[in-house]
Amino acid sequence: MSAVGRYQGSMPTALLRDDAIRPTEYTRWADARARFERREKDAQVVAGLLETIPRQGLHVPIVLGVSDRYGDVYVADGHHRAVALMTLAVPRFPFHWYWIKSMGVRIEDRPFPYYLLGR
């Protein structure tokens, strides 16, 4: 990483959807929500976020991974935070990002490739 540090951007929460920024661990966002509702520990995490985000905002950025091969964008870290943001209809969220490459990953210090979301 360069001396500049990791890139942090802000993005519309409306892009957290199955055809734009997808969840990595779930087929669809509805599957993530359903699992979080079924599992007590996950439900507690989301409930805590639903309580704190309106008062304090989101302090831990969501981490996005971008497939080097396909150009797909995924939530790599922050599924609970994403579900809470969508539930609250928060307009924007902070994020960091990285390329998912065959030789590994590293948090980027360059601007996010927004053009990938317009496909």
C-alpha atoms as a PDB file:
ATOM      1  CA  MET A   1       0.000   0.000   0.000  1.00  0.00           C
ATOM      2  CA  SER A   2       1.245   3.453  -0.793  1.00  0.00           C
ATOM      3  CA  ALA A   3       1.876   6.205   1.710  1.00  0.00           C
ATOM      4  CA  VAL A   4      -1.510   7.694   0.789  1.00  0.00           C
ATOM      5  CA  GLY A   5      -3.302   4.916   2.694  1.00  0.00           C
ATOM      6  CA  ARG A   6      -6.383   2.932   1.923  1.00  0.00           C
ATOM      7  CA  TYR A   7      -9.085   4.421  -0.216  1.00  0.00           C
ATOM      8  CA  GLN A   8     -12.336   5.120   1.596  1.00  0.00           C
ATOM      9  CA  GLY A   9     -15.344   6.072  -0.413  1.00  0.00           C
ATOM     10  CA  SER A  10     -19.023   6.637   0.126  1.00  0.00           C
ATOM     11  CA  MET A  11     -21.611   4.899  -2.003  1.00  0.00           C
ATOM     12  CA  PRO A  12     -25.419   4.880  -2.308  1.00  0.00           C
ATOM     13  CA  THR A  13     -26.956   2.147  -0.176  1.00  0.00           C
ATOM     14  CA  ALA A  14     -29.376   1.497  -3.052  1.00  0.00           C
ATOM     15  CA  LEU A  15     -26.470  -0.274  -4.814  1.00  0.00           C
ATOM     16  CA  LEU A  16     -26.582  -3.039  -2.193  1.00  0.00           C
ATOM     17  CA  ARG A  17     -28.784  -5.266  -4.332  1.00  0.00           C
ATOM     18  CA  ASP A  18     -28.532  -8.608  -6.092  1.00  0.00           C
ATOM     19  CA  ASP A  19     -27.694  -7.128  -9.504  1.00  0.00           C
ATOM     20  CA  ALA A  20     -25.081  -4.611  -8.315  1.00  0.00           C
ATOM     21  CA  ILE A  21     -23.234  -5.224  -5.029  1.00  0.00           C
ATOM     22  CA  ARG A  22     -23.965  -8.781  -3.998  1.00  0.00           C
ATOM     23  CA  PRO A  23     -23.367 -10.664  -0.750  1.00  0.00           C
ATOM     24  CA  THR A  24     -20.472 -13.135  -0.939  1.00  0.00           C
ATOM     25  CA  GLU A  25     -21.732 -15.633   1.598  1.00  0.00           C
ATOM     26  CA  TYR A  26     -25.336 -15.768   0.369  1.00  0.00           C
ATOM     27  CA  THR A  27     -27.000 -16.216  -3.012  1.00  0.00           C
ATOM     28  CA  ARG A  28     -29.169 -13.124  -2.574  1.00  0.00           C
ATOM     29  CA  TRP A  29     -29.656 -10.350  -0.036  1.00  0.00           C
ATOM     30  CA  ALA A  30     -33.028 -11.894   0.887  1.00  0.00           C
ATOM     31  CA  ASP A  31     -31.144 -15.064   1.903  1.00  0.00           C
ATOM     32  CA  ALA A  32     -28.834 -13.053   4.159  1.00  0.00           C
ATOM     33  CA  ARG A  33     -31.787 -11.287   5.795  1.00  0.00           C
ATOM     34  CA  ALA A  34     -33.641 -14.591   6.323  1.00  0.00           C
ATOM     35  CA  ARG A  35     -30.610 -16.223   7.917  1.00  0.00           C
ATOM     36  CA  PHE A  36     -30.001 -13.269  10.199  1.00  0.00           C
ATOM     37  CA  GLU A  37     -33.627 -13.377  11.332  1.00  0.00           C
ATOM     38  CA  ARG A  38     -33.457 -17.139  12.063  1.00  0.00           C
ATOM     39  CA  ARG A  39     -30.218 -17.142  14.043  1.00  0.00           C
ATOM     40  CA  GLU A  40     -30.390 -15.473  17.445  1.00  0.00           C
ATOM     41  CA  LYS A  41     -26.777 -14.278  17.431  1.00  0.00           C
ATOM     42  CA  ASP A  42     -27.123 -12.705  13.980  1.00  0.00           C
ATOM     43  CA  ALA A  43     -30.484 -11.169  14.907  1.00  0.00           C
ATOM     44  CA  GLN A  44     -28.860  -9.555  17.959  1.00  0.00           C
ATOM     45  CA  VAL A  45     -26.034  -8.109  15.851  1.00  0.00           C
ATOM     46  CA  VAL A  46     -28.487  -6.599  13.358  1.00  0.00           C
ATOM     47  CA  ALA A  47     -30.739  -5.302  16.170  1.00  0.00           C
ATOM     48  CA  GLY A  48     -27.743  -3.576  17.770  1.00  0.00           C
ATOM     49  CA  LEU A  49     -26.843  -1.947  14.464  1.00  0.00           C
ATOM     50  CA  LEU A  50     -30.449  -0.844  13.899  1.00  0.00           C
ATOM     51  CA  GLU A  51     -30.260   0.881  17.267  1.00  0.00           C
ATOM     52  CA  THR A  52     -26.838   2.530  16.947  1.00  0.00           C
ATOM     53  CA  ILE A  53     -26.618   3.535  13.268  1.00  0.00           C
ATOM     54  CA  PRO A  54     -29.393   6.182  13.465  1.00  0.00           C
ATOM     55  CA  ARG A  55     -27.682   7.820  16.445  1.00  0.00           C
ATOM     56  CA  GLN A  56     -24.009   7.358  15.628  1.00  0.00           C
ATOM     57  CA  GLY A  57     -23.795   6.503  11.940  1.00  0.00           C
ATOM     58  CA  LEU A  58     -21.739   3.636  10.579  1.00  0.00           C
ATOM     59  CA  HIS A  59     -18.154   3.892  11.810  1.00  0.00           C
ATOM     60  CA  VAL A  60     -16.780   0.635  10.405  1.00  0.00           C
ATOM     61  CA  PRO A  61     -16.730   0.775   6.598  1.00  0.00           C
ATOM     62  CA  ILE A  62     -18.085  -2.110   4.553  1.00  0.00           C
ATOM     63  CA  VAL A  63     -15.356  -3.909   2.601  1.00  0.00           C
ATOM     64  CA  LEU A  64     -16.095  -4.557  -1.062  1.00  0.00           C
ATOM     65  CA  GLY A  65     -14.297  -7.123  -3.178  1.00  0.00           C
ATOM     66  CA  VAL A  66     -14.143  -6.720  -6.953  1.00  0.00           C
ATOM     67  CA  SER A  67     -13.590  -9.808  -9.093  1.00  0.00           C
ATOM     68  CA  ASP A  68     -10.599  -9.270 -11.364  1.00  0.00           C
ATOM     69  CA  ARG A  69     -11.950 -11.982 -13.665  1.00  0.00           C
ATOM     70  CA  TYR A  70     -15.614 -11.020 -13.991  1.00  0.00           C
ATOM     71  CA  GLY A  71     -15.852  -7.453 -12.671  1.00  0.00           C
ATOM     72  CA  ASP A  72     -18.495  -8.496 -10.117  1.00  0.00           C
ATOM     73  CA  VAL A  73     -18.687  -6.512  -6.875  1.00  0.00           C
ATOM     74  CA  TYR A  74     -19.342  -8.259  -3.559  1.00  0.00           C
ATOM     75  CA  VAL A  75     -19.612  -7.358   0.108  1.00  0.00           C
ATOM     76  CA  ALA A  76     -16.554  -9.119   1.484  1.00  0.00           C
ATOM     77  CA  ASP A  77     -16.975  -7.918   5.065  1.00  0.00           C
ATOM     78  CA  GLY A  78     -20.019  -6.217   6.532  1.00  0.00           C
ATOM     79  CA  HIS A  79     -23.093  -8.294   5.659  1.00  0.00           C
ATOM     80  CA  HIS A  80     -24.820  -7.458   8.978  1.00  0.00           C
ATOM     81  CA  ARG A  81     -24.007  -3.776   8.514  1.00  0.00           C
ATOM     82  CA  ALA A  82     -25.325  -3.866   4.941  1.00  0.00           C
ATOM     83  CA  VAL A  83     -28.616  -5.461   5.990  1.00  0.00           C
ATOM     84  CA  ALA A  84     -29.036  -2.868   8.751  1.00  0.00           C
ATOM     85  CA  LEU A  85     -28.308  -0.005   6.334  1.00  0.00           C
ATOM     86  CA  MET A  86     -30.842  -1.361   3.833  1.00  0.00           C
ATOM     87  CA  THR A  87     -33.457  -1.840   6.570  1.00  0.00           C
ATOM     88  CA  LEU A  88     -32.959   1.716   7.796  1.00  0.00           C
ATOM     89  CA  ALA A  89     -32.867   3.097   4.229  1.00  0.00           C
ATOM     90  CA  VAL A  90     -29.665   4.990   5.042  1.00  0.00           C
ATOM     91  CA  PRO A  91     -28.784   6.904   1.858  1.00  0.00           C
ATOM     92  CA  ARG A  92     -25.005   6.226   1.747  1.00  0.00           C
ATOM     93  CA  PHE A  93     -22.417   3.999   3.362  1.00  0.00           C
ATOM     94  CA  PRO A  94     -18.629   4.217   3.813  1.00  0.00           C
ATOM     95  CA  PHE A  95     -16.471   1.522   2.222  1.00  0.00           C
ATOM     96  CA  HIS A  96     -12.985   0.236   1.461  1.00  0.00           C
ATOM     97  CA  TRP A  97     -12.349  -2.067  -1.487  1.00  0.00           C
ATOM     98  CA  TYR A  98      -9.935  -4.553  -3.009  1.00  0.00           C
ATOM     99  CA  TRP A  99      -9.448  -6.511  -6.231  1.00  0.00           C
ATOM    100  CA  ILE A 100      -9.952 -10.280  -5.946  1.00  0.00           C
ATOM    101  CA  LYS A 101      -6.998 -11.523  -8.000  1.00  0.00           C
ATOM    102  CA  SER A 102      -5.472 -14.941  -8.511  1.00  0.00           C
ATOM    103  CA  MET A 103      -2.324 -13.774  -6.731  1.00  0.00           C
ATOM    104  CA  GLY A 104      -4.147 -12.483  -3.647  1.00  0.00           C
ATOM    105  CA  VAL A 105      -5.878  -9.379  -2.395  1.00  0.00           C
ATOM    106  CA  ARG A 106      -4.925  -6.055  -0.889  1.00  0.00           C
ATOM    107  CA  ILE A 107      -6.985  -3.094   0.193  1.00  0.00           C
ATOM    108  CA  GLU A 108      -6.682  -0.499  -2.567  1.00  0.00           C
ATOM    109  CA  ASP A 109      -5.514   3.067  -2.246  1.00  0.00           C
ATOM    110  CA  ARG A 110      -6.923   3.998  -5.672  1.00  0.00           C
ATOM    111  CA  PRO A 111     -10.485   5.169  -6.376  1.00  0.00           C
ATOM    112  CA  PHE A 112     -13.146   2.486  -6.722  1.00  0.00           C
ATOM    113  CA  PRO A 113     -14.004   1.419 -10.320  1.00  0.00           C
ATOM    114  CA  TYR A 114     -17.569   2.780 -10.274  1.00  0.00           C
ATOM    115  CA  TYR A 115     -18.007   1.948 -13.977  1.00  0.00           C
ATOM    116  CA  LEU A 116     -18.441  -1.713 -12.975  1.00  0.00           C
ATOM    117  CA  LEU A 117     -21.746  -0.891 -11.267  1.00  0.00           C
ATOM    118  CA  GLY A 118     -23.270   0.578 -14.416  1.00  0.00           C
ATOM    119  CA  ARG A 119     -23.213  -2.624 -16.431  1.00  0.00           C
END
